[in-house]
Amino acid sequence: GQWAQPTTLGFSTFMGGLILASLQE
């Protein structure tokens, strides 16, 4: 994803965080 674009960067950060969080109990 084009992290140079703030909205794309924000979604990438948030999606990655959700994936990591969903791996928790």
mmCIF file of all heavy atoms, coordinates in Angstrom:
data_MODEL
# 
_entry.id   MODEL 
# 
loop_
_atom_site.group_PDB 
_atom_site.id 
_atom_site.type_symbol 
_atom_site.label_atom_id 
_atom_site.label_alt_id 
_atom_site.label_comp_id 
_atom_site.label_asym_id 
_atom_site.label_entity_id 
_atom_site.label_seq_id 
_atom_site.pdbx_PDB_ins_code 
_atom_site.Cartn_x 
_atom_site.Cartn_y 
_atom_site.Cartn_z 
_atom_site.occupancy 
_atom_site.B_iso_or_equiv 
_atom_site.pdbx_formal_charge 
_atom_site.auth_seq_id 
_atom_site.auth_comp_id 
_atom_site.auth_asym_id 
_atom_site.auth_atom_id 
_atom_site.pdbx_PDB_model_num 
ATOM 1   N N   . GLY A 1 1  ? 0.823   -1.200  0.000  1.00 0.00 ? 1  GLY A N   1 
ATOM 2   C CA  . GLY A 1 1  ? 0.000   0.000   0.000  1.00 0.00 ? 1  GLY A CA  1 
ATOM 3   C C   . GLY A 1 1  ? 0.861   1.255   0.000  1.00 0.00 ? 1  GLY A C   1 
ATOM 4   O O   . GLY A 1 1  ? 1.983   1.264   0.506  1.00 0.00 ? 1  GLY A O   1 
ATOM 5   N N   . GLN A 1 2  ? 0.336   2.337   -0.539 1.00 0.00 ? 2  GLN A N   1 
ATOM 6   C CA  . GLN A 1 2  ? 1.093   3.582   -0.668 1.00 0.00 ? 2  GLN A CA  1 
ATOM 7   C C   . GLN A 1 2  ? 1.086   4.347   0.657  1.00 0.00 ? 2  GLN A C   1 
ATOM 8   O O   . GLN A 1 2  ? 0.248   5.210   0.897  1.00 0.00 ? 2  GLN A O   1 
ATOM 9   C CB  . GLN A 1 2  ? 0.509   4.428   -1.802 1.00 0.00 ? 2  GLN A CB  1 
ATOM 10  C CG  . GLN A 1 2  ? 0.688   3.798   -3.175 1.00 0.00 ? 2  GLN A CG  1 
ATOM 11  C CD  . GLN A 1 2  ? 0.064   4.611   -4.284 1.00 0.00 ? 2  GLN A CD  1 
ATOM 12  O OE1 . GLN A 1 2  ? -0.966  5.248   -4.091 1.00 0.00 ? 2  GLN A OE1 1 
ATOM 13  N NE2 . GLN A 1 2  ? 0.674   4.602   -5.451 1.00 0.00 ? 2  GLN A NE2 1 
ATOM 14  N N   . TRP A 1 3  ? 2.068   4.026   1.502  1.00 0.00 ? 3  TRP A N   1 
ATOM 15  C CA  . TRP A 1 3  ? 2.145   4.644   2.819  1.00 0.00 ? 3  TRP A CA  1 
ATOM 16  C C   . TRP A 1 3  ? 2.462   6.126   2.750  1.00 0.00 ? 3  TRP A C   1 
ATOM 17  O O   . TRP A 1 3  ? 2.314   6.836   3.746  1.00 0.00 ? 3  TRP A O   1 
ATOM 18  C CB  . TRP A 1 3  ? 3.196   3.920   3.664  1.00 0.00 ? 3  TRP A CB  1 
ATOM 19  C CG  . TRP A 1 3  ? 2.746   2.577   4.146  1.00 0.00 ? 3  TRP A CG  1 
ATOM 20  C CD1 . TRP A 1 3  ? 1.582   1.943   3.847  1.00 0.00 ? 3  TRP A CD1 1 
ATOM 21  C CD2 . TRP A 1 3  ? 3.461   1.696   5.024  1.00 0.00 ? 3  TRP A CD2 1 
ATOM 22  N NE1 . TRP A 1 3  ? 1.518   0.721   4.473  1.00 0.00 ? 3  TRP A NE1 1 
ATOM 23  C CE2 . TRP A 1 3  ? 2.662   0.546   5.201  1.00 0.00 ? 3  TRP A CE2 1 
ATOM 24  C CE3 . TRP A 1 3  ? 4.694   1.766   5.662  1.00 0.00 ? 3  TRP A CE3 1 
ATOM 25  C CZ2 . TRP A 1 3  ? 3.056   -0.516  6.003  1.00 0.00 ? 3  TRP A CZ2 1 
ATOM 26  C CZ3 . TRP A 1 3  ? 5.088   0.702   6.464  1.00 0.00 ? 3  TRP A CZ3 1 
ATOM 27  C CH2 . TRP A 1 3  ? 4.285   -0.423  6.633  1.00 0.00 ? 3  TRP A CH2 1 
ATOM 28  N N   . ALA A 1 4  ? 2.903   6.616   1.605  1.00 0.00 ? 4  ALA A N   1 
ATOM 29  C CA  . ALA A 1 4  ? 3.165   8.047   1.467  1.00 0.00 ? 4  ALA A CA  1 
ATOM 30  C C   . ALA A 1 4  ? 1.871   8.846   1.554  1.00 0.00 ? 4  ALA A C   1 
ATOM 31  O O   . ALA A 1 4  ? 1.893   10.039  1.871  1.00 0.00 ? 4  ALA A O   1 
ATOM 32  C CB  . ALA A 1 4  ? 3.865   8.328   0.135  1.00 0.00 ? 4  ALA A CB  1 
ATOM 33  N N   . GLN A 1 5  ? 0.722   8.213   1.285  1.00 0.00 ? 5  GLN A N   1 
ATOM 34  C CA  . GLN A 1 5  ? -0.575  8.864   1.357  1.00 0.00 ? 5  GLN A CA  1 
ATOM 35  C C   . GLN A 1 5  ? -1.127  8.663   2.777  1.00 0.00 ? 5  GLN A C   1 
ATOM 36  O O   . GLN A 1 5  ? -1.266  7.529   3.241  1.00 0.00 ? 5  GLN A O   1 
ATOM 37  C CB  . GLN A 1 5  ? -1.509  8.252   0.310  1.00 0.00 ? 5  GLN A CB  1 
ATOM 38  C CG  . GLN A 1 5  ? -2.618  9.157   -0.158 1.00 0.00 ? 5  GLN A CG  1 
ATOM 39  C CD  . GLN A 1 5  ? -3.800  9.149   0.779  1.00 0.00 ? 5  GLN A CD  1 
ATOM 40  O OE1 . GLN A 1 5  ? -4.015  8.200   1.529  1.00 0.00 ? 5  GLN A OE1 1 
ATOM 41  N NE2 . GLN A 1 5  ? -4.579  10.213  0.758  1.00 0.00 ? 5  GLN A NE2 1 
ATOM 42  N N   . PRO A 1 6  ? -1.424  9.731   3.540  1.00 0.00 ? 6  PRO A N   1 
ATOM 43  C CA  . PRO A 1 6  ? -1.791  9.599   4.950  1.00 0.00 ? 6  PRO A CA  1 
ATOM 44  C C   . PRO A 1 6  ? -2.970  8.676   5.227  1.00 0.00 ? 6  PRO A C   1 
ATOM 45  O O   . PRO A 1 6  ? -2.948  7.933   6.207  1.00 0.00 ? 6  PRO A O   1 
ATOM 46  C CB  . PRO A 1 6  ? -2.113  11.050  5.362  1.00 0.00 ? 6  PRO A CB  1 
ATOM 47  C CG  . PRO A 1 6  ? -1.301  11.895  4.444  1.00 0.00 ? 6  PRO A CG  1 
ATOM 48  C CD  . PRO A 1 6  ? -1.302  11.155  3.134  1.00 0.00 ? 6  PRO A CD  1 
ATOM 49  N N   . THR A 1 7  ? -4.002  8.714   4.392  1.00 0.00 ? 7  THR A N   1 
ATOM 50  C CA  . THR A 1 7  ? -5.165  7.855   4.635  1.00 0.00 ? 7  THR A CA  1 
ATOM 51  C C   . THR A 1 7  ? -4.806  6.389   4.449  1.00 0.00 ? 7  THR A C   1 
ATOM 52  O O   . THR A 1 7  ? -5.197  5.530   5.257  1.00 0.00 ? 7  THR A O   1 
ATOM 53  C CB  . THR A 1 7  ? -6.326  8.238   3.706  1.00 0.00 ? 7  THR A CB  1 
ATOM 54  O OG1 . THR A 1 7  ? -6.652  9.619   3.893  1.00 0.00 ? 7  THR A OG1 1 
ATOM 55  C CG2 . THR A 1 7  ? -7.553  7.395   4.003  1.00 0.00 ? 7  THR A CG2 1 
ATOM 56  N N   . THR A 1 8  ? -4.073  6.074   3.400  1.00 0.00 ? 8  THR A N   1 
ATOM 57  C CA  . THR A 1 8  ? -3.626  4.699   3.183  1.00 0.00 ? 8  THR A CA  1 
ATOM 58  C C   . THR A 1 8  ? -2.731  4.243   4.327  1.00 0.00 ? 8  THR A C   1 
ATOM 59  O O   . THR A 1 8  ? -2.853  3.102   4.812  1.00 0.00 ? 8  THR A O   1 
ATOM 60  C CB  . THR A 1 8  ? -2.866  4.586   1.851  1.00 0.00 ? 8  THR A CB  1 
ATOM 61  O OG1 . THR A 1 8  ? -3.697  5.053   0.791  1.00 0.00 ? 8  THR A OG1 1 
ATOM 62  C CG2 . THR A 1 8  ? -2.461  3.145   1.569  1.00 0.00 ? 8  THR A CG2 1 
ATOM 63  N N   . LEU A 1 9  ? -1.838  5.109   4.771  1.00 0.00 ? 9  LEU A N   1 
ATOM 64  C CA  . LEU A 1 9  ? -0.969  4.789   5.910  1.00 0.00 ? 9  LEU A CA  1 
ATOM 65  C C   . LEU A 1 9  ? -1.808  4.513   7.151  1.00 0.00 ? 9  LEU A C   1 
ATOM 66  O O   . LEU A 1 9  ? -1.545  3.552   7.898  1.00 0.00 ? 9  LEU A O   1 
ATOM 67  C CB  . LEU A 1 9  ? -0.016  5.952   6.162  1.00 0.00 ? 9  LEU A CB  1 
ATOM 68  C CG  . LEU A 1 9  ? 0.880   5.854   7.394  1.00 0.00 ? 9  LEU A CG  1 
ATOM 69  C CD1 . LEU A 1 9  ? 1.826   4.666   7.281  1.00 0.00 ? 9  LEU A CD1 1 
ATOM 70  C CD2 . LEU A 1 9  ? 1.660   7.148   7.589  1.00 0.00 ? 9  LEU A CD2 1 
ATOM 71  N N   . GLY A 1 10 ? -2.831  5.344   7.389  1.00 0.00 ? 10 GLY A N   1 
ATOM 72  C CA  . GLY A 1 10 ? -3.680  5.150   8.554  1.00 0.00 ? 10 GLY A CA  1 
ATOM 73  C C   . GLY A 1 10 ? -4.428  3.836   8.519  1.00 0.00 ? 10 GLY A C   1 
ATOM 74  O O   . GLY A 1 10 ? -4.500  3.114   9.526  1.00 0.00 ? 10 GLY A O   1 
ATOM 75  N N   . PHE A 1 11 ? -4.988  3.481   7.366  1.00 0.00 ? 11 PHE A N   1 
ATOM 76  C CA  . PHE A 1 11 ? -5.708  2.209   7.251  1.00 0.00 ? 11 PHE A CA  1 
ATOM 77  C C   . PHE A 1 11 ? -4.750  1.032   7.398  1.00 0.00 ? 11 PHE A C   1 
ATOM 78  O O   . PHE A 1 11 ? -5.101  0.017   7.995  1.00 0.00 ? 11 PHE A O   1 
ATOM 79  C CB  . PHE A 1 11 ? -6.450  2.139   5.918  1.00 0.00 ? 11 PHE A CB  1 
ATOM 80  C CG  . PHE A 1 11 ? -7.849  2.662   5.975  1.00 0.00 ? 11 PHE A CG  1 
ATOM 81  C CD1 . PHE A 1 11 ? -8.155  3.940   5.527  1.00 0.00 ? 11 PHE A CD1 1 
ATOM 82  C CD2 . PHE A 1 11 ? -8.871  1.892   6.498  1.00 0.00 ? 11 PHE A CD2 1 
ATOM 83  C CE1 . PHE A 1 11 ? -9.438  4.436   5.584  1.00 0.00 ? 11 PHE A CE1 1 
ATOM 84  C CE2 . PHE A 1 11 ? -10.170 2.370   6.564  1.00 0.00 ? 11 PHE A CE2 1 
ATOM 85  C CZ  . PHE A 1 11 ? -10.459 3.653   6.102  1.00 0.00 ? 11 PHE A CZ  1 
ATOM 86  N N   . SER A 1 12 ? -3.557  1.146   6.836  1.00 0.00 ? 12 SER A N   1 
ATOM 87  C CA  . SER A 1 12 ? -2.581  0.072   6.960  1.00 0.00 ? 12 SER A CA  1 
ATOM 88  C C   . SER A 1 12 ? -2.207  -0.148  8.426  1.00 0.00 ? 12 SER A C   1 
ATOM 89  O O   . SER A 1 12 ? -2.157  -1.288  8.900  1.00 0.00 ? 12 SER A O   1 
ATOM 90  C CB  . SER A 1 12 ? -1.333  0.404   6.138  1.00 0.00 ? 12 SER A CB  1 
ATOM 91  O OG  . SER A 1 12 ? -0.369  -0.613  6.262  1.00 0.00 ? 12 SER A OG  1 
ATOM 92  N N   . THR A 1 13 ? -1.950  0.949   9.135  1.00 0.00 ? 13 THR A N   1 
ATOM 93  C CA  . THR A 1 13 ? -1.618  0.862   10.552 1.00 0.00 ? 13 THR A CA  1 
ATOM 94  C C   . THR A 1 13 ? -2.761  0.240   11.345 1.00 0.00 ? 13 THR A C   1 
ATOM 95  O O   . THR A 1 13 ? -2.547  -0.658  12.166 1.00 0.00 ? 13 THR A O   1 
ATOM 96  C CB  . THR A 1 13 ? -1.308  2.257   11.109 1.00 0.00 ? 13 THR A CB  1 
ATOM 97  O OG1 . THR A 1 13 ? -0.183  2.807   10.424 1.00 0.00 ? 13 THR A OG1 1 
ATOM 98  C CG2 . THR A 1 13 ? -1.007  2.209   12.599 1.00 0.00 ? 13 THR A CG2 1 
ATOM 99  N N   . PHE A 1 14 ? -3.973  0.705   11.089 1.00 0.00 ? 14 PHE A N   1 
ATOM 100 C CA  . PHE A 1 14 ? -5.120  0.222   11.852 1.00 0.00 ? 14 PHE A CA  1 
ATOM 101 C C   . PHE A 1 14 ? -5.448  -1.223  11.518 1.00 0.00 ? 14 PHE A C   1 
ATOM 102 O O   . PHE A 1 14 ? -5.726  -2.031  12.420 1.00 0.00 ? 14 PHE A O   1 
ATOM 103 C CB  . PHE A 1 14 ? -6.328  1.116   11.585 1.00 0.00 ? 14 PHE A CB  1 
ATOM 104 C CG  . PHE A 1 14 ? -7.437  0.943   12.578 1.00 0.00 ? 14 PHE A CG  1 
ATOM 105 C CD1 . PHE A 1 14 ? -7.276  1.362   13.886 1.00 0.00 ? 14 PHE A CD1 1 
ATOM 106 C CD2 . PHE A 1 14 ? -8.631  0.349   12.216 1.00 0.00 ? 14 PHE A CD2 1 
ATOM 107 C CE1 . PHE A 1 14 ? -8.288  1.194   14.821 1.00 0.00 ? 14 PHE A CE1 1 
ATOM 108 C CE2 . PHE A 1 14 ? -9.644  0.177   13.131 1.00 0.00 ? 14 PHE A CE2 1 
ATOM 109 C CZ  . PHE A 1 14 ? -9.483  0.607   14.446 1.00 0.00 ? 14 PHE A CZ  1 
ATOM 110 N N   . MET A 1 15 ? -5.423  -1.589  10.238 1.00 0.00 ? 15 MET A N   1 
ATOM 111 C CA  . MET A 1 15 ? -5.696  -2.967  9.850  1.00 0.00 ? 15 MET A CA  1 
ATOM 112 C C   . MET A 1 15 ? -4.661  -3.916  10.445 1.00 0.00 ? 15 MET A C   1 
ATOM 113 O O   . MET A 1 15 ? -4.996  -4.997  10.957 1.00 0.00 ? 15 MET A O   1 
ATOM 114 C CB  . MET A 1 15 ? -5.714  -3.101  8.326  1.00 0.00 ? 15 MET A CB  1 
ATOM 115 C CG  . MET A 1 15 ? -6.933  -2.501  7.651  1.00 0.00 ? 15 MET A CG  1 
ATOM 116 S SD  . MET A 1 15 ? -6.877  -2.777  5.848  1.00 0.00 ? 15 MET A SD  1 
ATOM 117 C CE  . MET A 1 15 ? -8.301  -1.841  5.311  1.00 0.00 ? 15 MET A CE  1 
ATOM 118 N N   . GLY A 1 16 ? -3.384  -3.532  10.372 1.00 0.00 ? 16 GLY A N   1 
ATOM 119 C CA  . GLY A 1 16 ? -2.351  -4.372  10.961 1.00 0.00 ? 16 GLY A CA  1 
ATOM 120 C C   . GLY A 1 16 ? -2.554  -4.551  12.440 1.00 0.00 ? 16 GLY A C   1 
ATOM 121 O O   . GLY A 1 16 ? -2.393  -5.657  12.984 1.00 0.00 ? 16 GLY A O   1 
ATOM 122 N N   . GLY A 1 17 ? -2.932  -3.460  13.136 1.00 0.00 ? 17 GLY A N   1 
ATOM 123 C CA  . GLY A 1 17 ? -3.199  -3.561  14.563 1.00 0.00 ? 17 GLY A CA  1 
ATOM 124 C C   . GLY A 1 17 ? -4.380  -4.464  14.871 1.00 0.00 ? 17 GLY A C   1 
ATOM 125 O O   . GLY A 1 17 ? -4.349  -5.244  15.838 1.00 0.00 ? 17 GLY A O   1 
ATOM 126 N N   . LEU A 1 18 ? -5.433  -4.387  14.067 1.00 0.00 ? 18 LEU A N   1 
ATOM 127 C CA  . LEU A 1 18 ? -6.599  -5.255  14.279 1.00 0.00 ? 18 LEU A CA  1 
ATOM 128 C C   . LEU A 1 18 ? -6.244  -6.727  14.083 1.00 0.00 ? 18 LEU A C   1 
ATOM 129 O O   . LEU A 1 18 ? -6.724  -7.595  14.820 1.00 0.00 ? 18 LEU A O   1 
ATOM 130 C CB  . LEU A 1 18 ? -7.728  -4.857  13.335 1.00 0.00 ? 18 LEU A CB  1 
ATOM 131 C CG  . LEU A 1 18 ? -8.410  -3.505  13.565 1.00 0.00 ? 18 LEU A CG  1 
ATOM 132 C CD1 . LEU A 1 18 ? -9.570  -3.332  12.592 1.00 0.00 ? 18 LEU A CD1 1 
ATOM 133 C CD2 . LEU A 1 18 ? -8.904  -3.366  14.995 1.00 0.00 ? 18 LEU A CD2 1 
ATOM 134 N N   . ILE A 1 19 ? -5.423  -7.003  13.086 1.00 0.00 ? 19 ILE A N   1 
ATOM 135 C CA  . ILE A 1 19 ? -5.014  -8.389  12.848 1.00 0.00 ? 19 ILE A CA  1 
ATOM 136 C C   . ILE A 1 19 ? -4.236  -8.920  14.053 1.00 0.00 ? 19 ILE A C   1 
ATOM 137 O O   . ILE A 1 19 ? -4.484  -10.035 14.545 1.00 0.00 ? 19 ILE A O   1 
ATOM 138 C CB  . ILE A 1 19 ? -4.165  -8.505  11.568 1.00 0.00 ? 19 ILE A CB  1 
ATOM 139 C CG1 . ILE A 1 19 ? -5.010  -8.174  10.345 1.00 0.00 ? 19 ILE A CG1 1 
ATOM 140 C CG2 . ILE A 1 19 ? -3.576  -9.913  11.422 1.00 0.00 ? 19 ILE A CG2 1 
ATOM 141 C CD1 . ILE A 1 19 ? -4.211  -8.010  9.061  1.00 0.00 ? 19 ILE A CD1 1 
ATOM 142 N N   . LEU A 1 20 ? -3.280  -8.119  14.553 1.00 0.00 ? 20 LEU A N   1 
ATOM 143 C CA  . LEU A 1 20 ? -2.505  -8.540  15.717 1.00 0.00 ? 20 LEU A CA  1 
ATOM 144 C C   . LEU A 1 20 ? -3.399  -8.705  16.938 1.00 0.00 ? 20 LEU A C   1 
ATOM 145 O O   . LEU A 1 20 ? -3.248  -9.664  17.709 1.00 0.00 ? 20 LEU A O   1 
ATOM 146 C CB  . LEU A 1 20 ? -1.407  -7.519  16.009 1.00 0.00 ? 20 LEU A CB  1 
ATOM 147 C CG  . LEU A 1 20 ? -0.303  -7.358  14.965 1.00 0.00 ? 20 LEU A CG  1 
ATOM 148 C CD1 . LEU A 1 20 ? 0.704   -6.317  15.421 1.00 0.00 ? 20 LEU A CD1 1 
ATOM 149 C CD2 . LEU A 1 20 ? 0.390   -8.679  14.691 1.00 0.00 ? 20 LEU A CD2 1 
ATOM 150 N N   . ALA A 1 21 ? -4.334  -7.770  17.135 1.00 0.00 ? 21 ALA A N   1 
ATOM 151 C CA  . ALA A 1 21 ? -5.231  -7.846  18.284 1.00 0.00 ? 21 ALA A CA  1 
ATOM 152 C C   . ALA A 1 21 ? -6.134  -9.068  18.203 1.00 0.00 ? 21 ALA A C   1 
ATOM 153 O O   . ALA A 1 21 ? -6.430  -9.707  19.220 1.00 0.00 ? 21 ALA A O   1 
ATOM 154 C CB  . ALA A 1 21 ? -6.077  -6.573  18.370 1.00 0.00 ? 21 ALA A CB  1 
ATOM 155 N N   . SER A 1 22 ? -6.585  -9.413  17.005 1.00 0.00 ? 22 SER A N   1 
ATOM 156 C CA  . SER A 1 22 ? -7.475  -10.569 16.848 1.00 0.00 ? 22 SER A CA  1 
ATOM 157 C C   . SER A 1 22 ? -6.776  -11.885 17.146 1.00 0.00 ? 22 SER A C   1 
ATOM 158 O O   . SER A 1 22 ? -7.435  -12.901 17.400 1.00 0.00 ? 22 SER A O   1 
ATOM 159 C CB  . SER A 1 22 ? -8.045  -10.600 15.426 1.00 0.00 ? 22 SER A CB  1 
ATOM 160 O OG  . SER A 1 22 ? -7.032  -10.858 14.471 1.00 0.00 ? 22 SER A OG  1 
ATOM 161 N N   . LEU A 1 23 ? -5.447  -11.860 17.130 1.00 0.00 ? 23 LEU A N   1 
ATOM 162 C CA  . LEU A 1 23 ? -4.692  -13.068 17.464 1.00 0.00 ? 23 LEU A CA  1 
ATOM 163 C C   . LEU A 1 23 ? -4.582  -13.287 18.960 1.00 0.00 ? 23 LEU A C   1 
ATOM 164 O O   . LEU A 1 23 ? -4.138  -14.344 19.410 1.00 0.00 ? 23 LEU A O   1 
ATOM 165 C CB  . LEU A 1 23 ? -3.279  -12.983 16.861 1.00 0.00 ? 23 LEU A CB  1 
ATOM 166 C CG  . LEU A 1 23 ? -3.214  -13.053 15.334 1.00 0.00 ? 23 LEU A CG  1 
ATOM 167 C CD1 . LEU A 1 23 ? -1.832  -12.642 14.842 1.00 0.00 ? 23 LEU A CD1 1 
ATOM 168 C CD2 . LEU A 1 23 ? -3.551  -14.457 14.847 1.00 0.00 ? 23 LEU A CD2 1 
ATOM 169 N N   . GLN A 1 24 ? -4.976  -12.283 19.750 1.00 0.00 ? 24 GLN A N   1 
ATOM 170 C CA  . GLN A 1 24 ? -4.936  -12.422 21.202 1.00 0.00 ? 24 GLN A CA  1 
ATOM 171 C C   . GLN A 1 24 ? -6.136  -13.204 21.685 1.00 0.00 ? 24 GLN A C   1 
ATOM 172 O O   . GLN A 1 24 ? -7.165  -13.295 21.021 1.00 0.00 ? 24 GLN A O   1 
ATOM 173 C CB  . GLN A 1 24 ? -4.924  -11.043 21.858 1.00 0.00 ? 24 GLN A CB  1 
ATOM 174 C CG  . GLN A 1 24 ? -3.646  -10.258 21.631 1.00 0.00 ? 24 GLN A CG  1 
ATOM 175 C CD  . GLN A 1 24 ? -3.289  -9.451  22.851 1.00 0.00 ? 24 GLN A CD  1 
ATOM 176 O OE1 . GLN A 1 24 ? -3.211  -9.989  23.946 1.00 0.00 ? 24 GLN A OE1 1 
ATOM 177 N NE2 . GLN A 1 24 ? -3.059  -8.167  22.660 1.00 0.00 ? 24 GLN A NE2 1 
ATOM 178 N N   . GLU A 1 25 ? -6.003  -13.726 22.912 1.00 0.00 ? 25 GLU A N   1 
ATOM 179 C CA  . GLU A 1 25 ? -7.139  -14.386 23.534 1.00 0.00 ? 25 GLU A CA  1 
ATOM 180 C C   . GLU A 1 25 ? -8.191  -13.331 23.834 1.00 0.00 ? 25 GLU A C   1 
ATOM 181 O O   . GLU A 1 25 ? -7.884  -12.268 24.367 1.00 0.00 ? 25 GLU A O   1 
ATOM 182 C CB  . GLU A 1 25 ? -6.709  -15.089 24.824 1.00 0.00 ? 25 GLU A CB  1 
ATOM 183 C CG  . GLU A 1 25 ? -5.740  -16.237 24.604 1.00 0.00 ? 25 GLU A CG  1 
ATOM 184 C CD  . GLU A 1 25 ? -6.342  -17.329 23.735 1.00 0.00 ? 25 GLU A CD  1 
ATOM 185 O OE1 . GLU A 1 25 ? -7.547  -17.604 23.879 1.00 0.00 ? 25 GLU A OE1 1 
ATOM 186 O OE2 . GLU A 1 25 ? -5.613  -17.884 22.907 1.00 0.00 ? 25 GLU A OE2 1 
# 
